C-alpha atoms as a PDB file:
ATOM      1  CA  MET A   1     -12.584   6.551 -10.057  1.00  0.00           C
ATOM      2  CA  SER A   2     -15.459   5.522  -7.843  1.00  0.00           C
ATOM      3  CA  ASP A   3     -15.070   5.898  -4.100  1.00  0.00           C
ATOM      4  CA  VAL A   4     -15.351   2.172  -3.431  1.00  0.00           C
ATOM      5  CA  VAL A   5     -12.731   1.358  -6.059  1.00  0.00           C
ATOM      6  CA  ARG A   6     -10.435   4.024  -4.616  1.00  0.00           C
ATOM      7  CA  ILE A   7     -10.781   2.510  -1.141  1.00  0.00           C
ATOM      8  CA  LEU A   8     -10.176  -1.050  -2.368  1.00  0.00           C
ATOM      9  CA  VAL A   9      -7.140  -0.062  -4.450  1.00  0.00           C
ATOM     10  CA  GLY A  10      -5.813   1.890  -1.465  1.00  0.00           C
ATOM     11  CA  VAL A  11      -6.146  -1.095   0.855  1.00  0.00           C
ATOM     12  CA  LEU A  12      -4.504  -3.340  -1.743  1.00  0.00           C
ATOM     13  CA  LEU A  13      -1.571  -0.931  -2.068  1.00  0.00           C
ATOM     14  CA  VAL A  14      -1.132  -0.837   1.717  1.00  0.00           C
ATOM     15  CA  VAL A  15      -0.959  -4.633   1.811  1.00  0.00           C
ATOM     16  CA  VAL A  16       1.428  -4.864  -1.158  1.00  0.00           C
ATOM     17  CA  GLY A  17       3.601  -2.098   0.258  1.00  0.00           C
ATOM     18  CA  GLY A  18       3.768  -3.895   3.595  1.00  0.00           C
ATOM     19  CA  ILE A  19       4.792  -7.141   1.922  1.00  0.00           C
ATOM     20  CA  TRP A  20       7.464  -5.356  -0.136  1.00  0.00           C
ATOM     21  CA  PHE A  21       8.778  -3.665   2.984  1.00  0.00           C
ATOM     22  CA  GLY A  22       8.933  -6.982   4.826  1.00  0.00           C
ATOM     23  CA  GLN A  23      10.782  -8.572   1.930  1.00  0.00           C
ATOM     24  CA  GLY A  24      13.185  -5.658   1.670  1.00  0.00           C
ATOM     25  CA  MET A  25      13.947  -5.896   5.363  1.00  0.00           C
ATOM     26  CA  GLY A  26      14.553  -9.634   5.025  1.00  0.00           C
ATOM     27  CA  TRP A  27      11.627 -10.558   7.290  1.00  0.00           C
ATOM     28  CA  ILE A  28       9.854 -12.371   4.444  1.00  0.00           C
ATOM     29  CA  GLY A  29      12.103 -14.761   2.546  1.00  0.00           C
ATOM     30  CA  GLY A  30      11.833 -16.826  -0.590  1.00  0.00           C
ATOM     31  CA  SER A  31      12.018 -14.056  -3.157  1.00  0.00           C
ATOM     32  CA  GLY A  32      14.608 -12.179  -5.181  1.00  0.00           C
ATOM     33  CA  MET A  33      13.320  -9.087  -3.395  1.00  0.00           C
ATOM     34  CA  SER A  34      14.296 -10.464   0.027  1.00  0.00           C
ATOM     35  CA  GLY A  35      17.005  -8.462   1.711  1.00  0.00           C
ATOM     36  CA  GLU A  36      17.062  -5.807  -1.048  1.00  0.00           C
ATOM     37  CA  THR A  37      17.151  -2.261   0.318  1.00  0.00           C
ATOM     38  CA  LEU A  38      15.239  -0.910  -2.681  1.00  0.00           C
ATOM     39  CA  TRP A  39      12.082  -2.741  -1.607  1.00  0.00           C
ATOM     40  CA  ALA A  40      12.487  -1.573   1.994  1.00  0.00           C
ATOM     41  CA  VAL A  41      12.188   1.977   0.603  1.00  0.00           C
ATOM     42  CA  VAL A  42       9.619   1.416  -2.166  1.00  0.00           C
ATOM     43  CA  GLY A  43       7.259  -0.556   0.084  1.00  0.00           C
ATOM     44  CA  PRO A  44       6.434   2.243   2.536  1.00  0.00           C
ATOM     45  CA  VAL A  45       6.040   4.725  -0.325  1.00  0.00           C
ATOM     46  CA  VAL A  46       3.500   2.443  -2.013  1.00  0.00           C
ATOM     47  CA  ALA A  47       1.754   1.902   1.333  1.00  0.00           C
ATOM     48  CA  LEU A  48       1.514   5.669   1.915  1.00  0.00           C
ATOM     49  CA  VAL A  49      -0.037   6.164  -1.519  1.00  0.00           C
ATOM     50  CA  GLY A  50      -2.512   3.438  -0.587  1.00  0.00           C
ATOM     51  CA  VAL A  51      -3.388   5.157   2.682  1.00  0.00           C
ATOM     52  CA  TRP A  52      -3.910   8.424   0.812  1.00  0.00           C
ATOM     53  CA  LEU A  53      -6.197   6.752  -1.743  1.00  0.00           C
ATOM     54  CA  ALA A  54      -8.236   4.984   0.931  1.00  0.00           C
ATOM     55  CA  VAL A  55      -8.612   8.128   3.048  1.00  0.00           C
ATOM     56  CA  THR A  56      -9.679  10.281   0.096  1.00  0.00           C
ATOM     57  CA  GLY A  57     -12.162   7.589  -0.926  1.00  0.00           C
ATOM     58  CA  LEU A  58     -13.619   7.461   2.579  1.00  0.00           C
ATOM     59  CA  ARG A  59     -13.856  11.245   2.769  1.00  0.00           C
ATOM     60  CA  ALA A  60     -15.641  11.391  -0.578  1.00  0.00           C
ATOM     61  CA  ARG A  61     -18.168   8.810   0.610  1.00  0.00           C
ATOM     62  CA  ARG A  62     -18.860  10.785   3.785  1.00  0.00           C
ATOM     63  CA  THR A  63     -19.459  14.054   1.939  1.00  0.00           C
ATOM     64  CA  LYS A  64     -21.996  12.362  -0.385  1.00  0.00           C
ATOM     65  CA  ALA A  65     -24.039  10.995   2.529  1.00  0.00           C
END
């Protein structure tokens, strides 16, 4: 996976994970996921994977330069 793609996918996962966490906590309504504890747990896990992907992508770009 290219470094840029890894960074973009990582950022996307952080955003999606944050939304899922907000829905799981009941802060974001209007969904079947709202107020469900599962999404309050899954969201941060997805966000952490996104952070990891973005950081490894950034590190790979720096070592190439």
